[in-house]
Amino acid sequence: MLTHMDEGTQDISAMSFEQALAALESIVQQLERGDVPLDQSIALYERGEALRAACQQRLDAAQARIERIVTAADGRATGTRPLDTEG
């Protein structure tokens, strides 16, 4: 389990979606409490924005993969096709 210190220093690209989302939720809670010094609030906000962007990118990629699932006439998934092709 990550500590608050780990959440602020772990490389976002190495985090799973779930870890990034949990870290973002922790940051939001800290900022909402309003008991964080200004400099730390700014750093938390910047970290939160980076986490939000990473989560959004992963969600967008997942959505694109889902949209590319190929289905048979009976509706069963039969495979996928590359994202960079038309059709």
Protein backbone atom coordinates (compact mmCIF):
# COMPACT_ATOMS: atom_id res chain seq x y z
CA MET A 1 0.00 0.00 0.00
CA LEU A 2 1.26 3.49 -0.84
CA THR A 3 1.84 6.06 1.85
CA HIS A 4 1.07 9.73 1.28
CA MET A 5 4.79 10.31 0.71
CA ASP A 6 4.94 7.56 -1.93
CA GLU A 7 1.93 9.00 -3.75
CA GLY A 8 3.81 12.26 -4.24
CA THR A 9 7.02 10.76 -5.55
CA GLN A 10 6.09 7.61 -7.48
CA ASP A 11 6.50 7.88 -11.25
CA ILE A 12 2.98 8.24 -12.65
CA SER A 13 3.80 6.23 -15.77
CA ALA A 14 4.72 3.27 -13.53
CA MET A 15 1.39 3.42 -11.67
CA SER A 16 -1.62 1.33 -12.55
CA PHE A 17 -4.82 3.19 -13.38
CA GLU A 18 -6.19 2.22 -9.97
CA GLN A 19 -3.08 3.49 -8.16
CA ALA A 20 -3.17 6.79 -10.05
CA LEU A 21 -6.87 7.25 -9.32
CA ALA A 22 -6.36 6.50 -5.61
CA ALA A 23 -3.47 8.99 -5.47
CA LEU A 24 -5.63 11.60 -7.20
CA GLU A 25 -8.47 11.01 -4.74
CA SER A 26 -6.03 11.40 -1.84
CA ILE A 27 -4.81 14.71 -3.24
CA VAL A 28 -8.36 15.99 -3.69
CA GLN A 29 -9.17 15.09 -0.07
CA GLN A 30 -6.05 16.89 1.18
CA LEU A 31 -6.86 20.01 -0.84
CA GLU A 32 -10.52 19.98 0.23
CA ARG A 33 -9.52 19.87 3.91
CA GLY A 34 -7.77 23.20 3.40
CA ASP A 35 -5.12 22.57 6.06
CA VAL A 36 -2.18 22.23 3.66
CA PRO A 37 0.32 25.13 3.39
CA LEU A 38 0.12 27.16 0.17
CA ASP A 39 3.37 25.87 -1.37
CA GLN A 40 2.37 22.28 -0.69
CA SER A 41 -1.13 22.97 -2.07
CA ILE A 42 0.37 24.18 -5.33
CA ALA A 43 2.61 21.12 -5.56
CA LEU A 44 -0.36 18.85 -4.78
CA TYR A 45 -2.47 20.59 -7.42
CA GLU A 46 0.25 20.13 -10.04
CA ARG A 47 0.63 16.46 -9.11
CA GLY A 48 -3.13 16.05 -9.20
CA GLU A 49 -3.34 17.55 -12.67
CA ALA A 50 -0.63 15.16 -13.91
CA LEU A 51 -2.50 12.22 -12.36
CA ARG A 52 -5.79 13.38 -13.90
CA ALA A 53 -4.21 13.65 -17.33
CA ALA A 54 -2.65 10.17 -17.01
CA CYS A 55 -5.97 8.65 -15.92
CA GLN A 56 -7.80 10.37 -18.78
CA GLN A 57 -5.23 9.13 -21.29
CA ARG A 58 -5.65 5.56 -20.05
CA LEU A 59 -9.44 5.83 -20.17
CA ASP A 60 -9.27 7.19 -23.73
CA ALA A 61 -7.00 4.33 -24.77
CA ALA A 62 -9.33 1.77 -23.21
CA GLN A 63 -12.32 3.36 -24.94
CA ALA A 64 -10.54 3.21 -28.30
CA ARG A 65 -9.73 -0.48 -27.77
CA ILE A 66 -13.32 -1.25 -26.86
CA GLU A 67 -14.59 0.58 -29.95
CA ARG A 68 -12.28 -1.53 -32.12
CA ILE A 69 -13.54 -4.91 -30.95
CA VAL A 70 -14.79 -6.79 -34.00
CA THR A 71 -18.08 -8.62 -33.64
CA ALA A 72 -19.60 -11.43 -35.67
CA ALA A 73 -23.10 -11.21 -37.13
CA ASP A 74 -24.49 -12.86 -34.00
CA GLY A 75 -22.88 -10.20 -31.78
CA ARG A 76 -20.07 -12.34 -30.38
CA ALA A 77 -16.66 -10.72 -30.17
CA THR A 78 -14.40 -12.34 -32.74
CA GLY A 79 -11.26 -10.31 -32.24
CA THR A 80 -9.94 -6.81 -32.59
CA ARG A 81 -8.52 -4.71 -35.38
CA PRO A 82 -5.66 -2.22 -35.16
CA LEU A 83 -6.59 1.29 -34.05
CA ASP A 84 -4.82 2.89 -37.00
CA THR A 85 -6.93 1.26 -39.71
CA GLU A 86 -10.25 2.32 -41.14
CA GLY A 87 -13.24 0.09 -41.42
